[in-house]
C-alpha cells in the first residue's frame, strides 16, 4: 500500500512539473481572460522556473570556479618550475663567475713570479683527526715528484708525499706528520711549524723572550728546500703559557683552510724566486 501511495505522489509531482509551464504559456496567450486560478498557478510556475534557473546558475558558477582553480594551480606549478630553473641558473652562473675569478688570480700569480709552476685541481680529500691530505689531478706523467711544494695564491698548502701516474697525494701543513721550517715575519726568528690536525699547527722552538702575539704572520723559512723562502704559511691563533713553566704554547692556523682549497700550483722549480726580500719589507 505504501509503495502504491509513493508512486502516486511521484506521478502527481511529475504531472505538475510538466503542466505548470504549459499552463503558464497558455495563460500568457489568453491575456484577455481573468481566471481565478491564473495568478496562483503563474506565481507557482514562475517560482519553480526561478528555482531551477538559480540552481543552473549556481552549477555553472561552481564549475567555472573549479576550472579557474585548476588553471591557477597549473599556472602556479609552471611559475614555480620556472623560478626553480632561474635559481639553478643563477647558482651555476655565480659558480662560474667565482671559478673565473679564481682562475684569473691563478694566472696573474703565475705570471707575476719567476717560479716554474704546474697548475692542478683538488679531486679528493682525507681530512681526519690524524691525517690532513688532499689528492690532486696531476702526477708523474706531468713531471711531478715527491717533496715538491704545493701552494695557492694565498700561501703554502703542503707538499707531495705520494705521486702516482696521473694523480698525487699532498700532505697538508696541518697533518700530524708534517714539519715545516718557518720564520716569524715580524721578528725574523726561525721556528718550526708542526701539524696538529683539524686545520691547526703548533709553532715550536721559539725563543722564550721572543714577542709573539695573536695575528702575527708566519712565513716559510726555506731551509727544508721544499718551499720558497718568505712565502705566507700561517697566522698565530693562540698564545698560552704552560702551567709552572716559562714555555709557551703557540698555535697557528694555515693561511688557507683545507676544506676551501680547490685549485693549486705545484712548484717545479723556485730557484729564481725568493720571497724573503718582499717578506722583509713587509716586516718593516
Foldseek 3Di string as FASTA:
>chain_A
DVVVVVVVVVVVVVCLLVVLVVLLVVCVVVVVDDDPCNVVSNVVSVVVVVVVVVVVVVVVVVVVVVVVVVVVVVVVVVVVVVVVVVVVVVVVVVVVVVVVVQVVLQVVLVVVFDFDKDKWWWDAFDQDQQFGKTKTQAFVCNVDDWLWWKAGSQFTFFTFHAGDHGMTMGGGQQHQPHKFWKAFLQPRDTWIWGHRGPQKTWTHDDDLPDDADFFTWMWGCCPVVHDAGLTTFWTWHDWAADPPDSDITTMTGGSDDSVPGTMIITGSDCPRPHNVVVSNVVSD
